């Protein structure tokens, strides 16, 4: 079982996701693609009966930083720096979001961090229904810095 597959299994059993209706459907072995689903249940609805905004935020929260850290490797420090979500429309349907990390973006980060400078980069993804209707737009700023050599 690959590291990505083990992580997917672990995160799907993690109580904050398990008890929020959040499920990671796909993590490619190279960590360049992640797909997440949020099911609407009685325990994650808001006052109006639609998806609770905190659950929408939670389904997207870790999936820029963790895959980027895995792609870059242990010689980089990778942290979440900032995040924002814009709610576009309410829905009672299951929602999905996808994270695509292109190798060119990773190369840009490596190049920018090569001399030890910190890199702050915004990433964006939409949270959508199965029909493609946008429910929310999520943005995450990721901090990256190359670790110093310990010689």
Protein backbone atom coordinates (compact mmCIF):
# COMPACT_ATOMS: atom_id res chain seq x y z
CA UNK A 1 0.00 0.00 0.00
CA UNK A 2 1.42 3.39 -1.01
CA UNK A 3 2.03 6.26 1.42
CA UNK A 4 -0.82 8.21 -0.24
CA UNK A 5 -3.22 5.25 0.13
CA UNK A 6 -2.32 4.84 3.80
CA UNK A 7 -2.86 8.56 4.35
CA UNK A 8 -6.27 8.40 2.62
CA UNK A 9 -7.32 5.51 4.85
CA UNK A 10 -6.08 7.30 7.98
CA UNK A 11 -7.71 10.65 7.18
CA UNK A 12 -11.03 8.96 6.33
CA UNK A 13 -11.02 7.38 9.82
CA UNK A 14 -9.91 10.62 11.51
CA UNK A 15 -12.84 11.61 13.78
CA UNK A 16 -13.17 15.25 12.61
CA UNK A 17 -13.66 14.03 9.03
CA UNK A 18 -15.48 10.79 9.83
CA UNK A 19 -18.06 12.57 11.98
CA UNK A 20 -18.44 15.51 9.60
CA UNK A 21 -19.35 13.48 6.52
CA UNK A 22 -16.04 14.30 4.79
CA UNK A 23 -14.42 11.56 2.73
CA UNK A 24 -11.27 11.59 0.66
CA UNK A 25 -12.21 9.70 -2.50
CA UNK A 26 -8.89 9.84 -4.37
CA UNK A 27 -5.28 10.66 -3.64
CA UNK A 28 -2.97 9.79 -6.49
CA UNK A 29 0.22 8.02 -5.46
CA UNK A 30 2.26 11.01 -6.70
CA UNK A 31 0.16 13.38 -4.48
CA UNK A 32 -0.62 15.64 -7.48
CA UNK A 33 -4.39 15.04 -7.32
CA UNK A 34 -6.88 14.80 -4.45
CA UNK A 35 -10.67 14.56 -4.62
CA UNK A 36 -12.86 15.06 -1.53
CA UNK A 37 -16.62 14.66 -0.95
CA UNK A 38 -18.83 16.15 1.74
CA UNK A 39 -22.16 14.44 2.28
CA UNK A 40 -24.99 16.39 3.88
CA UNK A 41 -26.28 14.69 7.01
CA UNK A 42 -28.47 15.79 9.89
CA UNK A 43 -25.31 16.38 11.95
CA UNK A 44 -23.59 18.75 9.49
CA UNK A 45 -26.52 20.93 8.43
CA UNK A 46 -26.91 24.57 9.34
CA UNK A 47 -30.03 26.35 10.59
CA UNK A 48 -31.46 26.47 7.03
CA UNK A 49 -30.85 22.76 6.37
CA UNK A 50 -27.97 23.29 3.94
CA UNK A 51 -24.28 22.50 4.37
CA UNK A 52 -22.68 24.02 7.45
CA UNK A 53 -19.99 26.47 6.34
CA UNK A 54 -17.45 25.05 8.78
CA UNK A 55 -17.77 21.64 7.14
CA UNK A 56 -17.27 23.17 3.69
CA UNK A 57 -14.12 24.86 4.99
CA UNK A 58 -12.89 21.69 6.73
CA UNK A 59 -13.24 19.55 3.62
CA UNK A 60 -10.74 21.79 1.81
CA UNK A 61 -8.48 22.91 4.65
CA UNK A 62 -5.57 20.41 4.68
CA UNK A 63 -5.40 19.44 1.02
CA UNK A 64 -3.07 22.07 -0.34
CA UNK A 65 -0.43 21.96 2.37
CA UNK A 66 -0.12 18.21 2.88
CA UNK A 67 0.19 17.16 -0.79
CA UNK A 68 2.59 20.04 -1.51
CA UNK A 69 4.74 18.96 1.45
CA UNK A 70 4.70 15.38 0.16
CA UNK A 71 5.60 16.48 -3.37
CA UNK A 72 8.46 18.75 -2.27
CA UNK A 73 9.95 16.31 0.22
CA UNK A 74 11.59 16.55 3.62
CA UNK A 75 14.09 19.25 2.64
CA UNK A 76 11.28 21.85 2.71
CA UNK A 77 9.18 23.29 5.51
CA UNK A 78 5.58 23.63 4.36
CA UNK A 79 2.85 25.26 6.46
CA UNK A 80 -0.57 26.78 6.05
CA UNK A 81 -0.28 30.56 6.23
CA UNK A 82 -3.78 31.87 5.52
CA UNK A 83 -7.13 30.72 4.18
CA UNK A 84 -10.41 32.16 3.03
CA UNK A 85 -13.69 30.84 1.74
CA UNK A 86 -16.40 32.59 -0.22
CA UNK A 87 -19.85 31.03 -0.05
CA UNK A 88 -21.52 31.29 -3.47
CA UNK A 89 -24.79 29.38 -3.08
CA UNK A 90 -26.43 27.04 -0.59
CA UNK A 91 -27.19 23.42 -1.43
CA UNK A 92 -28.60 20.28 0.11
CA UNK A 93 -26.67 18.03 -2.29
CA UNK A 94 -23.36 16.27 -1.71
CA UNK A 95 -20.45 18.49 -2.70
CA UNK A 96 -17.00 17.75 -4.08
CA UNK A 97 -13.69 19.51 -4.49
CA UNK A 98 -10.52 18.65 -6.34
CA UNK A 99 -6.92 19.71 -5.78
CA UNK A 100 -4.53 19.59 -8.72
CA UNK A 101 -0.85 20.30 -8.12
CA UNK A 102 1.05 20.82 -11.34
CA UNK A 103 4.75 19.97 -11.52
CA UNK A 104 5.47 23.39 -13.03
CA UNK A 105 4.13 25.07 -9.89
CA UNK A 106 6.32 22.85 -7.72
CA UNK A 107 9.32 23.77 -9.89
CA UNK A 108 8.54 27.48 -9.42
CA UNK A 109 8.35 27.01 -5.65
CA UNK A 110 11.64 25.07 -5.59
CA UNK A 111 13.33 27.79 -7.63
CA UNK A 112 11.94 30.60 -5.46
CA UNK A 113 12.98 28.82 -2.25
CA UNK A 114 16.39 27.69 -3.50
CA UNK A 115 18.35 30.38 -1.64
CA UNK A 116 16.46 29.90 1.64
CA UNK A 117 13.85 32.61 1.15
CA UNK A 118 10.29 31.96 2.24
CA UNK A 119 7.72 31.51 -0.49
CA UNK A 120 4.07 32.42 0.00
CA UNK A 121 1.78 31.07 -2.69
CA UNK A 122 -2.01 31.17 -3.00
CA UNK A 123 -3.89 28.12 -4.30
CA UNK A 124 -7.57 28.03 -5.20
CA UNK A 125 -10.26 25.45 -5.74
CA UNK A 126 -14.03 25.42 -6.09
CA UNK A 127 -16.42 23.33 -4.05
CA UNK A 128 -19.15 22.05 -6.38
CA UNK A 129 -22.19 19.84 -6.60
CA UNK A 130 -22.04 16.72 -8.80
CA UNK A 131 -23.67 18.81 -11.56
CA UNK A 132 -20.84 21.35 -11.39
CA UNK A 133 -22.70 24.16 -9.63
CA UNK A 134 -20.22 26.17 -7.56
CA UNK A 135 -21.18 26.25 -3.89
CA UNK A 136 -18.03 27.90 -2.50
CA UNK A 137 -14.60 29.13 -3.56
CA UNK A 138 -11.71 28.20 -1.29
CA UNK A 139 -8.27 29.84 -1.18
CA UNK A 140 -5.24 28.74 0.82
CA UNK A 141 -1.91 30.49 1.17
CA UNK A 142 0.93 28.03 1.67
CA UNK A 143 4.29 28.94 3.22
CA UNK A 144 7.37 27.11 1.88
CA UNK A 145 11.00 27.47 2.89
CA UNK A 146 13.94 25.24 2.12
CA UNK A 147 15.43 23.79 5.31
CA UNK A 148 18.90 24.96 6.21
CA UNK A 149 21.75 22.48 5.91
CA UNK A 150 22.88 21.26 9.30
CA UNK A 151 26.59 20.89 8.71
